[in-house]
Amino acid sequence: NPFSEGEPVNFRGANLSGAKLVGSIASKADFSDALLASANISGADLRGAMMEGADLTNAELGGAMLEGANFRSAILAGIDAKNMGNADVSEAITDKNIGRSVNDLDEPLVQMIENHKEWIGSKGKVGKQLDLSDIDMRRMKTLKGETLTAMRAVNAKFFGMNLYKIELQSAVLDNSDFRNCDLEESDLRGSSFKGANFSHANLKKAHAEPLMFGEAGGGKRFAPCDFEGAKFRYANLVGARFKSGNFKDVDLSFANLSGADLREADFTGAKMDSVNLEGAQLDGATLPRSTKSIFKIPKE
């Protein structure tokens, strides 16, 4: 048992998936953003514990004491939230879908994607733009390699999905949930992700550079990615390309940005506690005033 009675412990962001914590005394402990999928926490004392943003998918909580615990924005799939007493479960993801399920769409998603591709290919003359706003996508499990350029999905739930090499250029995905998603080598160029949640997501080698529209000298438009207010806590951003990106007020705590291209990106107001910037390109980047005192910035 890693816990000591009466001493609050700090497991923020820790990977405790499958751990056996039966009967543990963890009152007032901090499990924010921790991975506790399939963990056995039966009979544990979690009174007043901080579980905000934690992933408790299929965890066993039978008999646990949860009075005053904070489960805001936690993932509670596979758990009966009705048995959680007065614990705060606001904004938590549960088996009860948040928004409409992808299974309840007016037409099959496959057909909607085909209509969207026709819309893109014809520059809007035929087909229909794909709009998945407020849709809970989790039951799809994968959109690996799909071409969904210029789609809309505001406040959608993609949590845990396989989005490897997905194409999402010029898309609007503000306030959507990408926690635990695999977005490795995805193409996000020119898209908007304001307020989105990428905590624990894998964006290794993602393409999120600006897009250029129009002809030279005639209304040419520069469209960088917009991540303002997004969360990237514990995210893998190794080697990602974020040149000129808007990262104002983002939370990058404990994220790995080693080898990333951050040239001319704006991190004004960003939270960058314990960020790994080893080998990152920072020419022209605007960093928070406190950055240099928090960690060592690699020399040019």
C-alpha atoms as a PDB file:
ATOM      1  CA  ASN A   1       0.000   0.000   0.000  1.00  0.00           C
ATOM      2  CA  PRO A   2       1.689   3.239  -1.158  1.00  0.00           C
ATOM      3  CA  PHE A   3      -0.426   5.410   1.116  1.00  0.00           C
ATOM      4  CA  SER A   4       0.232   6.428   4.690  1.00  0.00           C
ATOM      5  CA  GLU A   5      -2.676   7.124   6.958  1.00  0.00           C
ATOM      6  CA  GLY A   6      -3.289  10.821   7.517  1.00  0.00           C
ATOM      7  CA  GLU A   7      -0.703  11.972   4.958  1.00  0.00           C
ATOM      8  CA  PRO A   8      -2.152  13.305   1.683  1.00  0.00           C
ATOM      9  CA  VAL A   9      -0.280  11.942  -1.336  1.00  0.00           C
ATOM     10  CA  ASN A  10       0.405  13.428  -4.744  1.00  0.00           C
ATOM     11  CA  PHE A  11      -0.213  11.214  -7.783  1.00  0.00           C
ATOM     12  CA  ARG A  12      -1.040  13.976 -10.288  1.00  0.00           C
ATOM     13  CA  GLY A  13      -0.778  12.543 -13.801  1.00  0.00           C
ATOM     14  CA  ALA A  14       0.514   9.184 -12.567  1.00  0.00           C
ATOM     15  CA  ASN A  15      -0.193   5.998 -14.502  1.00  0.00           C
ATOM     16  CA  LEU A  16      -1.925   3.694 -12.015  1.00  0.00           C
ATOM     17  CA  SER A  17      -3.941   1.733 -14.581  1.00  0.00           C
ATOM     18  CA  GLY A  18      -4.854  -1.691 -13.211  1.00  0.00           C
ATOM     19  CA  ALA A  19      -3.408  -0.907  -9.782  1.00  0.00           C
ATOM     20  CA  LYS A  20      -4.815  -2.719  -6.750  1.00  0.00           C
ATOM     21  CA  LEU A  21      -5.550  -0.087  -4.126  1.00  0.00           C
ATOM     22  CA  VAL A  22      -8.221  -1.995  -2.197  1.00  0.00           C
ATOM     23  CA  GLY A  23      -8.879  -0.399   1.186  1.00  0.00           C
ATOM     24  CA  SER A  24      -6.268   2.301   0.715  1.00  0.00           C
ATOM     25  CA  ILE A  25      -6.444   5.427   2.808  1.00  0.00           C
ATOM     26  CA  ALA A  26      -6.153   8.244   0.311  1.00  0.00           C
ATOM     27  CA  SER A  27      -8.337  10.956   1.777  1.00  0.00           C
ATOM     28  CA  LYS A  28      -7.473  14.390   0.394  1.00  0.00           C
ATOM     29  CA  ALA A  29      -4.961  12.771  -1.999  1.00  0.00           C
ATOM     30  CA  ASP A  30      -4.372  14.411  -5.370  1.00  0.00           C
ATOM     31  CA  PHE A  31      -5.043  12.160  -8.388  1.00  0.00           C
ATOM     32  CA  SER A  32      -5.685  15.010 -10.869  1.00  0.00           C
ATOM     33  CA  ASP A  33      -5.215  13.802 -14.464  1.00  0.00           C
ATOM     34  CA  ALA A  34      -4.067  10.372 -13.220  1.00  0.00           C
ATOM     35  CA  LEU A  35      -4.657   7.207 -15.258  1.00  0.00           C
ATOM     36  CA  LEU A  36      -6.658   4.792 -13.092  1.00  0.00           C
ATOM     37  CA  ALA A  37      -8.364   2.705 -15.766  1.00  0.00           C
ATOM     38  CA  SER A  38      -9.397  -0.744 -14.429  1.00  0.00           C
ATOM     39  CA  ALA A  39      -7.853   0.038 -11.043  1.00  0.00           C
ATOM     40  CA  ASN A  40      -9.387  -1.671  -8.015  1.00  0.00           C
ATOM     41  CA  ILE A  41     -10.111   1.017  -5.440  1.00  0.00           C
ATOM     42  CA  SER A  42     -12.846  -0.920  -3.618  1.00  0.00           C
ATOM     43  CA  GLY A  43     -13.305   0.164  -0.019  1.00  0.00           C
ATOM     44  CA  ALA A  44     -10.725   2.941  -0.315  1.00  0.00           C
ATOM     45  CA  ASP A  45     -11.003   6.147   1.698  1.00  0.00           C
ATOM     46  CA  LEU A  46     -11.138   8.865  -0.965  1.00  0.00           C
ATOM     47  CA  ARG A  47     -12.959  11.478   1.085  1.00  0.00           C
ATOM     48  CA  GLY A  48     -12.019  14.931  -0.142  1.00  0.00           C
ATOM     49  CA  ALA A  49      -9.669  13.491  -2.769  1.00  0.00           C
ATOM     50  CA  MET A  50      -8.879  15.490  -5.903  1.00  0.00           C
ATOM     51  CA  MET A  51      -9.730  13.307  -8.927  1.00  0.00           C
ATOM     52  CA  GLU A  52     -10.324  16.107 -11.443  1.00  0.00           C
ATOM     53  CA  GLY A  53      -9.609  14.986 -15.021  1.00  0.00           C
ATOM     54  CA  ALA A  54      -8.614  11.464 -13.920  1.00  0.00           C
ATOM     55  CA  ASP A  55      -9.361   8.448 -16.128  1.00  0.00           C
ATOM     56  CA  LEU A  56     -11.262   5.871 -14.056  1.00  0.00           C
ATOM     57  CA  THR A  57     -12.612   3.828 -16.965  1.00  0.00           C
ATOM     58  CA  ASN A  58     -13.915   0.490 -15.617  1.00  0.00           C
ATOM     59  CA  ALA A  59     -12.365   1.109 -12.198  1.00  0.00           C
ATOM     60  CA  GLU A  60     -13.854  -0.762  -9.231  1.00  0.00           C
ATOM     61  CA  LEU A  61     -15.135   1.659  -6.605  1.00  0.00           C
ATOM     62  CA  GLY A  62     -17.477  -0.576  -4.602  1.00  0.00           C
ATOM     63  CA  GLY A  63     -17.628   0.470  -0.959  1.00  0.00           C
ATOM     64  CA  ALA A  64     -15.234   3.394  -1.453  1.00  0.00           C
ATOM     65  CA  MET A  65     -15.790   6.479   0.716  1.00  0.00           C
ATOM     66  CA  LEU A  66     -16.200   9.395  -1.722  1.00  0.00           C
ATOM     67  CA  GLU A  67     -17.689  12.173   0.402  1.00  0.00           C
ATOM     68  CA  GLY A  68     -16.437  15.539  -0.814  1.00  0.00           C
ATOM     69  CA  ALA A  69     -14.253  14.027  -3.546  1.00  0.00           C
ATOM     70  CA  ASN A  70     -13.796  16.070  -6.720  1.00  0.00           C
ATOM     71  CA  PHE A  71     -14.383  14.079  -9.926  1.00  0.00           C
ATOM     72  CA  ARG A  72     -14.960  17.102 -12.172  1.00  0.00           C
ATOM     73  CA  SER A  73     -14.201  16.320 -15.832  1.00  0.00           C
ATOM     74  CA  ALA A  74     -13.109  12.786 -14.887  1.00  0.00           C
ATOM     75  CA  ILE A  75     -13.697   9.800 -17.177  1.00  0.00           C
ATOM     76  CA  LEU A  76     -16.167   7.526 -15.393  1.00  0.00           C
ATOM     77  CA  ALA A  77     -17.054   5.127 -18.226  1.00  0.00           C
ATOM     78  CA  GLY A  78     -18.013   1.735 -16.836  1.00  0.00           C
ATOM     79  CA  ILE A  79     -18.872   3.199 -13.422  1.00  0.00           C
ATOM     80  CA  ASP A  80     -22.334   3.762 -11.987  1.00  0.00           C
ATOM     81  CA  ALA A  81     -22.170   7.465 -11.105  1.00  0.00           C
ATOM     82  CA  LYS A  82     -25.414   7.137  -9.106  1.00  0.00           C
ATOM     83  CA  ASN A  83     -23.483   5.359  -6.369  1.00  0.00           C
ATOM     84  CA  MET A  84     -20.979   8.171  -5.903  1.00  0.00           C
ATOM     85  CA  GLY A  85     -22.812   9.968  -3.125  1.00  0.00           C
ATOM     86  CA  ASN A  86     -22.195  13.696  -2.976  1.00  0.00           C
ATOM     87  CA  ALA A  87     -18.920  13.551  -4.934  1.00  0.00           C
ATOM     88  CA  ASP A  88     -18.634  16.281  -7.567  1.00  0.00           C
ATOM     89  CA  VAL A  89     -19.066  14.556 -10.950  1.00  0.00           C
ATOM     90  CA  SER A  90     -19.927  17.674 -12.973  1.00  0.00           C
ATOM     91  CA  GLU A  91     -18.642  17.627 -16.559  1.00  0.00           C
ATOM     92  CA  ALA A  92     -17.515  14.004 -16.096  1.00  0.00           C
ATOM     93  CA  ILE A  93     -17.657  11.588 -19.040  1.00  0.00           C
ATOM     94  CA  THR A  94     -19.903   8.667 -18.153  1.00  0.00           C
ATOM     95  CA  ASP A  95     -21.698   5.865 -19.997  1.00  0.00           C
ATOM     96  CA  LYS A  96     -24.613   8.245 -20.254  1.00  0.00           C
ATOM     97  CA  ASN A  97     -23.561  10.120 -23.370  1.00  0.00           C
ATOM     98  CA  ILE A  98     -22.751  13.782 -23.188  1.00  0.00           C
ATOM     99  CA  GLY A  99     -24.598  15.064 -26.219  1.00  0.00           C
ATOM    100  CA  ARG A 100     -25.960  12.723 -28.891  1.00  0.00           C
ATOM    101  CA  SER A 101     -24.246   9.415 -29.497  1.00  0.00           C
ATOM    102  CA  VAL A 102     -22.673   8.857 -32.894  1.00  0.00           C
ATOM    103  CA  ASN A 103     -25.006   5.841 -33.114  1.00  0.00           C
ATOM    104  CA  ASP A 104     -28.024   8.178 -33.063  1.00  0.00           C
ATOM    105  CA  LEU A 105     -27.092  10.336 -36.043  1.00  0.00           C
ATOM    106  CA  ASP A 106     -29.792  10.967 -38.659  1.00  0.00           C
ATOM    107  CA  GLU A 107     -27.757   9.007 -41.220  1.00  0.00           C
ATOM    108  CA  PRO A 108     -24.756   6.636 -40.943  1.00  0.00           C
ATOM    109  CA  LEU A 109     -21.439   8.372 -40.297  1.00  0.00           C
ATOM    110  CA  VAL A 110     -19.896   6.564 -43.270  1.00  0.00           C
ATOM    111  CA  GLN A 111     -22.432   8.219 -45.569  1.00  0.00           C
ATOM    112  CA  MET A 112     -21.930  11.594 -43.901  1.00  0.00           C
ATOM    113  CA  ILE A 113     -18.179  11.326 -44.504  1.00  0.00           C
ATOM    114  CA  GLU A 114     -18.763  10.483 -48.166  1.00  0.00           C
ATOM    115  CA  ASN A 115     -21.096  13.497 -48.490  1.00  0.00           C
ATOM    116  CA  HIS A 116     -18.398  15.628 -46.882  1.00  0.00           C
ATOM    117  CA  LYS A 117     -15.754  14.431 -49.330  1.00  0.00           C
ATOM    118  CA  GLU A 118     -18.085  15.319 -52.221  1.00  0.00           C
ATOM    119  CA  TRP A 119     -18.571  18.753 -50.647  1.00  0.00           C
ATOM    120  CA  ILE A 120     -14.802  19.260 -50.432  1.00  0.00           C
ATOM    121  CA  GLY A 121     -14.143  17.959 -53.955  1.00  0.00           C
ATOM    122  CA  SER A 122     -16.837  20.162 -55.498  1.00  0.00           C
ATOM    123  CA  LYS A 123     -15.938  23.232 -53.393  1.00  0.00           C
ATOM    124  CA  GLY A 124     -19.385  23.173 -51.807  1.00  0.00           C
ATOM    125  CA  LYS A 125     -21.476  22.687 -54.947  1.00  0.00           C
ATOM    126  CA  VAL A 126     -22.641  19.174 -54.032  1.00  0.00           C
ATOM    127  CA  GLY A 127     -22.573  17.068 -50.894  1.00  0.00           C
ATOM    128  CA  LYS A 128     -22.703  18.467 -47.381  1.00  0.00           C
ATOM    129  CA  GLN A 129     -20.159  19.681 -44.847  1.00  0.00           C
ATOM    130  CA  LEU A 130     -19.637  17.231 -41.986  1.00  0.00           C
ATOM    131  CA  ASP A 131     -20.769  18.717 -38.669  1.00  0.00           C
ATOM    132  CA  LEU A 132     -20.298  16.550 -35.559  1.00  0.00           C
ATOM    133  CA  SER A 133     -20.757  19.330 -33.011  1.00  0.00           C
ATOM    134  CA  ASP A 134     -21.957  18.082 -29.593  1.00  0.00           C
ATOM    135  CA  ILE A 135     -21.675  14.446 -30.755  1.00  0.00           C
ATOM    136  CA  ASP A 136     -20.197  11.757 -28.508  1.00  0.00           C
ATOM    137  CA  MET A 137     -17.889   9.895 -30.898  1.00  0.00           C
ATOM    138  CA  ARG A 138     -16.420   7.357 -28.449  1.00  0.00           C
ATOM    139  CA  ARG A 139     -18.253   4.284 -29.778  1.00  0.00           C
ATOM    140  CA  MET A 140     -16.601   4.720 -33.187  1.00  0.00           C
ATOM    141  CA  LYS A 141     -13.214   3.944 -31.565  1.00  0.00           C
ATOM    142  CA  THR A 142     -11.288   4.878 -34.715  1.00  0.00           C
ATOM    143  CA  LEU A 143     -11.146   7.395 -37.542  1.00  0.00           C
ATOM    144  CA  LYS A 144      -7.603   6.375 -38.408  1.00  0.00           C
ATOM    145  CA  GLY A 145      -6.383   7.941 -41.637  1.00  0.00           C
ATOM    146  CA  GLU A 146      -9.729   9.549 -42.519  1.00  0.00           C
ATOM    147  CA  THR A 147      -9.757  12.727 -44.608  1.00  0.00           C
ATOM    148  CA  LEU A 148     -12.036  15.181 -42.789  1.00  0.00           C
ATOM    149  CA  THR A 149     -10.673  18.476 -44.075  1.00  0.00           C
ATOM    150  CA  ALA A 150     -12.816  21.522 -43.152  1.00  0.00           C
ATOM    151  CA  MET A 151     -15.202  19.580 -40.913  1.00  0.00           C
ATOM    152  CA  ARG A 152     -16.887  21.081 -37.840  1.00  0.00           C
ATOM    153  CA  ALA A 153     -16.981  19.370 -34.455  1.00  0.00           C
ATOM    154  CA  VAL A 154     -17.445  21.937 -31.695  1.00  0.00           C
ATOM    155  CA  ASN A 155     -17.766  20.413 -28.207  1.00  0.00           C
ATOM    156  CA  ALA A 156     -17.498  16.846 -29.551  1.00  0.00           C
ATOM    157  CA  LYS A 157     -16.145  13.911 -27.531  1.00  0.00           C
ATOM    158  CA  PHE A 158     -13.322  11.951 -29.190  1.00  0.00           C
ATOM    159  CA  PHE A 159     -11.843  10.652 -25.925  1.00  0.00           C
ATOM    160  CA  GLY A 160      -9.565   7.614 -26.341  1.00  0.00           C
ATOM    161  CA  MET A 161     -10.061   7.264 -30.106  1.00  0.00           C
ATOM    162  CA  ASN A 162      -7.495   6.170 -32.677  1.00  0.00           C
ATOM    163  CA  LEU A 163      -7.020   9.240 -34.890  1.00  0.00           C
ATOM    164  CA  TYR A 164      -3.622   8.238 -36.258  1.00  0.00           C
ATOM    165  CA  LYS A 165      -2.734  10.231 -39.405  1.00  0.00           C
ATOM    166  CA  ILE A 166      -6.206  11.769 -39.556  1.00  0.00           C
ATOM    167  CA  GLU A 167      -6.512  14.797 -41.865  1.00  0.00           C
ATOM    168  CA  LEU A 168      -8.223  17.713 -40.136  1.00  0.00           C
ATOM    169  CA  GLN A 169      -6.922  20.721 -42.050  1.00  0.00           C
ATOM    170  CA  SER A 170      -8.977  23.952 -41.846  1.00  0.00           C
ATOM    171  CA  ALA A 171     -11.367  22.315 -39.371  1.00  0.00           C
ATOM    172  CA  VAL A 172     -13.176  23.870 -36.415  1.00  0.00           C
ATOM    173  CA  LEU A 173     -12.973  21.654 -33.312  1.00  0.00           C
ATOM    174  CA  ASP A 174     -13.240  24.197 -30.493  1.00  0.00           C
ATOM    175  CA  ASN A 175     -13.911  22.845 -26.970  1.00  0.00           C
ATOM    176  CA  SER A 176     -13.726  19.218 -28.133  1.00  0.00           C
ATOM    177  CA  ASP A 177     -12.297  16.441 -25.945  1.00  0.00           C
ATOM    178  CA  PHE A 178      -9.265  14.593 -27.338  1.00  0.00           C
ATOM    179  CA  ARG A 179      -7.970  13.192 -24.051  1.00  0.00           C
ATOM    180  CA  ASN A 180      -6.014   9.940 -24.464  1.00  0.00           C
ATOM    181  CA  CYS A 181      -6.415  10.097 -28.262  1.00  0.00           C
ATOM    182  CA  ASP A 182      -3.746   8.851 -30.661  1.00  0.00           C
ATOM    183  CA  LEU A 183      -3.150  11.782 -33.022  1.00  0.00           C
ATOM    184  CA  GLU A 184       0.356  10.791 -34.051  1.00  0.00           C
ATOM    185  CA  GLU A 185       1.322  12.246 -37.441  1.00  0.00           C
ATOM    186  CA  SER A 186      -2.120  13.849 -37.759  1.00  0.00           C
ATOM    187  CA  ASP A 187      -2.556  16.801 -40.114  1.00  0.00           C
ATOM    188  CA  LEU A 188      -4.144  19.670 -38.178  1.00  0.00           C
ATOM    189  CA  ARG A 189      -2.881  22.552 -40.304  1.00  0.00           C
ATOM    190  CA  GLY A 190      -4.832  25.778 -40.160  1.00  0.00           C
ATOM    191  CA  SER A 191      -7.463  24.425 -37.759  1.00  0.00           C
ATOM    192  CA  SER A 192      -9.081  25.863 -34.633  1.00  0.00           C
ATOM    193  CA  PHE A 193      -8.939  23.953 -31.333  1.00  0.00           C
ATOM    194  CA  LYS A 194      -9.760  26.762 -28.896  1.00  0.00           C
ATOM    195  CA  GLY A 195     -10.511  25.362 -25.436  1.00  0.00           C
ATOM    196  CA  ALA A 196      -9.976  21.732 -26.559  1.00  0.00           C
ATOM    197  CA  ASN A 197      -8.602  19.119 -24.155  1.00  0.00           C
ATOM    198  CA  PHE A 198      -5.571  17.097 -25.305  1.00  0.00           C
ATOM    199  CA  SER A 199      -4.420  15.870 -21.871  1.00  0.00           C
ATOM    200  CA  HIS A 200      -2.478  12.585 -22.125  1.00  0.00           C
ATOM    201  CA  ALA A 201      -2.982  12.644 -25.912  1.00  0.00           C
ATOM    202  CA  ASN A 202      -0.295  11.502 -28.354  1.00  0.00           C
ATOM    203  CA  LEU A 203       0.453  14.210 -30.938  1.00  0.00           C
ATOM    204  CA  LYS A 204       3.932  12.985 -31.787  1.00  0.00           C
ATOM    205  CA  LYS A 205       5.055  14.418 -35.155  1.00  0.00           C
ATOM    206  CA  ALA A 206       1.681  16.101 -35.671  1.00  0.00           C
ATOM    207  CA  HIS A 207       1.488  18.721 -38.438  1.00  0.00           C
ATOM    208  CA  ALA A 208      -0.041  21.907 -37.069  1.00  0.00           C
ATOM    209  CA  GLU A 209       1.632  24.558 -39.186  1.00  0.00           C
ATOM    210  CA  PRO A 210      -0.199  27.487 -40.824  1.00  0.00           C
ATOM    211  CA  LEU A 211      -1.998  27.161 -44.138  1.00  0.00           C
ATOM    212  CA  MET A 212      -1.808  29.744 -46.891  1.00  0.00           C
ATOM    213  CA  PHE A 213      -4.893  30.571 -48.956  1.00  0.00           C
ATOM    214  CA  GLY A 214      -5.360  32.645 -52.096  1.00  0.00           C
ATOM    215  CA  GLU A 215      -3.008  33.775 -54.811  1.00  0.00           C
ATOM    216  CA  ALA A 216       0.173  35.713 -54.185  1.00  0.00           C
ATOM    217  CA  GLY A 217      -0.510  39.440 -54.223  1.00  0.00           C
ATOM    218  CA  GLY A 218      -4.253  38.991 -54.309  1.00  0.00           C
ATOM    219  CA  GLY A 219      -5.959  38.412 -50.978  1.00  0.00           C
ATOM    220  CA  LYS A 220      -3.526  35.832 -49.703  1.00  0.00           C
ATOM    221  CA  ARG A 221      -4.550  34.634 -46.225  1.00  0.00           C
ATOM    222  CA  PHE A 222      -2.300  33.210 -43.514  1.00  0.00           C
ATOM    223  CA  ALA A 223      -4.098  30.717 -41.225  1.00  0.00           C
ATOM    224  CA  PRO A 224      -2.107  29.400 -38.240  1.00  0.00           C
ATOM    225  CA  CYS A 225      -3.499  26.820 -35.820  1.00  0.00           C
ATOM    226  CA  ASP A 226      -5.443  28.255 -32.898  1.00  0.00           C
ATOM    227  CA  PHE A 227      -5.116  26.389 -29.582  1.00  0.00           C
ATOM    228  CA  GLU A 228      -5.998  29.310 -27.302  1.00  0.00           C
ATOM    229  CA  GLY A 229      -7.124  28.100 -23.868  1.00  0.00           C
ATOM    230  CA  ALA A 230      -6.568  24.402 -24.720  1.00  0.00           C
ATOM    231  CA  LYS A 231      -5.177  21.804 -22.309  1.00  0.00           C
ATOM    232  CA  PHE A 232      -2.142  19.664 -23.158  1.00  0.00           C
ATOM    233  CA  ARG A 233      -1.367  18.311 -19.687  1.00  0.00           C
ATOM    234  CA  TYR A 234       0.994  15.298 -19.885  1.00  0.00           C
ATOM    235  CA  ALA A 235       0.600  15.245 -23.686  1.00  0.00           C
ATOM    236  CA  ASN A 236       3.247  13.751 -26.003  1.00  0.00           C
ATOM    237  CA  LEU A 237       4.119  16.510 -28.484  1.00  0.00           C
ATOM    238  CA  VAL A 238       7.555  15.192 -29.451  1.00  0.00           C
ATOM    239  CA  GLY A 239       8.649  16.454 -32.857  1.00  0.00           C
ATOM    240  CA  ALA A 240       5.298  18.148 -33.553  1.00  0.00           C
ATOM    241  CA  ARG A 241       5.219  21.164 -35.861  1.00  0.00           C
ATOM    242  CA  PHE A 242       3.498  24.137 -34.269  1.00  0.00           C
ATOM    243  CA  LYS A 243       5.124  27.030 -36.137  1.00  0.00           C
ATOM    244  CA  SER A 244       3.229  30.330 -35.608  1.00  0.00           C
ATOM    245  CA  GLY A 245       0.578  28.581 -33.501  1.00  0.00           C
ATOM    246  CA  ASN A 246      -1.606  30.469 -31.022  1.00  0.00           C
ATOM    247  CA  PHE A 247      -1.024  28.925 -27.577  1.00  0.00           C
ATOM    248  CA  LYS A 248      -2.265  31.844 -25.479  1.00  0.00           C
ATOM    249  CA  ASP A 249      -3.472  30.760 -22.030  1.00  0.00           C
ATOM    250  CA  VAL A 250      -2.959  27.037 -22.754  1.00  0.00           C
ATOM    251  CA  ASP A 251      -2.050  24.527 -20.026  1.00  0.00           C
ATOM    252  CA  LEU A 252       1.068  22.617 -21.103  1.00  0.00           C
ATOM    253  CA  SER A 253       1.968  21.330 -17.641  1.00  0.00           C
ATOM    254  CA  PHE A 254       4.228  18.243 -17.830  1.00  0.00           C
ATOM    255  CA  ALA A 255       3.919  18.089 -21.639  1.00  0.00           C
ATOM    256  CA  ASN A 256       6.801  16.767 -23.741  1.00  0.00           C
ATOM    257  CA  LEU A 257       7.675  19.237 -26.497  1.00  0.00           C
ATOM    258  CA  SER A 258      11.176  17.923 -27.148  1.00  0.00           C
ATOM    259  CA  GLY A 259      12.238  18.431 -30.751  1.00  0.00           C
ATOM    260  CA  ALA A 260       9.057  20.366 -31.565  1.00  0.00           C
ATOM    261  CA  ASP A 261       8.983  23.287 -34.009  1.00  0.00           C
ATOM    262  CA  LEU A 262       7.681  26.226 -31.958  1.00  0.00           C
ATOM    263  CA  ARG A 263       9.088  29.036 -34.076  1.00  0.00           C
ATOM    264  CA  GLU A 264       7.023  32.252 -33.843  1.00  0.00           C
ATOM    265  CA  ALA A 265       4.406  30.522 -31.666  1.00  0.00           C
ATOM    266  CA  ASP A 266       2.670  32.676 -29.044  1.00  0.00           C
ATOM    267  CA  PHE A 267       2.603  31.218 -25.517  1.00  0.00           C
ATOM    268  CA  THR A 268       1.461  34.402 -23.758  1.00  0.00           C
ATOM    269  CA  GLY A 269      -0.219  33.487 -20.462  1.00  0.00           C
ATOM    270  CA  ALA A 270       0.491  29.771 -20.945  1.00  0.00           C
ATOM    271  CA  LYS A 271       1.019  27.445 -17.987  1.00  0.00           C
ATOM    272  CA  MET A 272       4.245  25.568 -18.667  1.00  0.00           C
ATOM    273  CA  ASP A 273       5.154  23.818 -15.421  1.00  0.00           C
ATOM    274  CA  SER A 274       7.794  21.096 -15.951  1.00  0.00           C
ATOM    275  CA  VAL A 275       7.540  21.247 -19.751  1.00  0.00           C
ATOM    276  CA  ASN A 276      10.244  19.377 -21.687  1.00  0.00           C
ATOM    277  CA  LEU A 277      11.655  21.687 -24.385  1.00  0.00           C
ATOM    278  CA  GLU A 278      14.848  19.783 -25.116  1.00  0.00           C
ATOM    279  CA  GLY A 279      15.854  20.358 -28.722  1.00  0.00           C
ATOM    280  CA  ALA A 280      12.751  22.449 -29.484  1.00  0.00           C
ATOM    281  CA  GLN A 281      13.013  25.264 -32.055  1.00  0.00           C
ATOM    282  CA  LEU A 282      12.075  28.509 -30.321  1.00  0.00           C
ATOM    283  CA  ASP A 283      13.186  31.251 -32.729  1.00  0.00           C
ATOM    284  CA  GLY A 284      10.714  34.134 -32.499  1.00  0.00           C
ATOM    285  CA  ALA A 285       8.480  32.340 -29.979  1.00  0.00           C
ATOM    286  CA  THR A 286       6.736  34.433 -27.317  1.00  0.00           C
ATOM    287  CA  LEU A 287       7.120  32.631 -23.980  1.00  0.00           C
ATOM    288  CA  PRO A 288       5.582  33.469 -20.577  1.00  0.00           C
ATOM    289  CA  ARG A 289       7.692  35.848 -18.504  1.00  0.00           C
ATOM    290  CA  SER A 290       8.299  33.209 -15.845  1.00  0.00           C
ATOM    291  CA  THR A 291       9.412  30.506 -18.282  1.00  0.00           C
ATOM    292  CA  LYS A 292      13.145  30.905 -17.832  1.00  0.00           C
ATOM    293  CA  SER A 293      12.838  30.624 -14.073  1.00  0.00           C
ATOM    294  CA  ILE A 294      10.754  27.459 -14.305  1.00  0.00           C
ATOM    295  CA  PHE A 295      13.069  25.362 -16.467  1.00  0.00           C
ATOM    296  CA  LYS A 296      16.179  25.695 -18.552  1.00  0.00           C
ATOM    297  CA  ILE A 297      15.563  26.689 -22.160  1.00  0.00           C
ATOM    298  CA  PRO A 298      17.934  24.906 -24.555  1.00  0.00           C
ATOM    299  CA  LYS A 299      20.676  27.058 -26.034  1.00  0.00           C
ATOM    300  CA  GLU A 300      20.434  27.915 -29.705  1.00  0.00           C
END
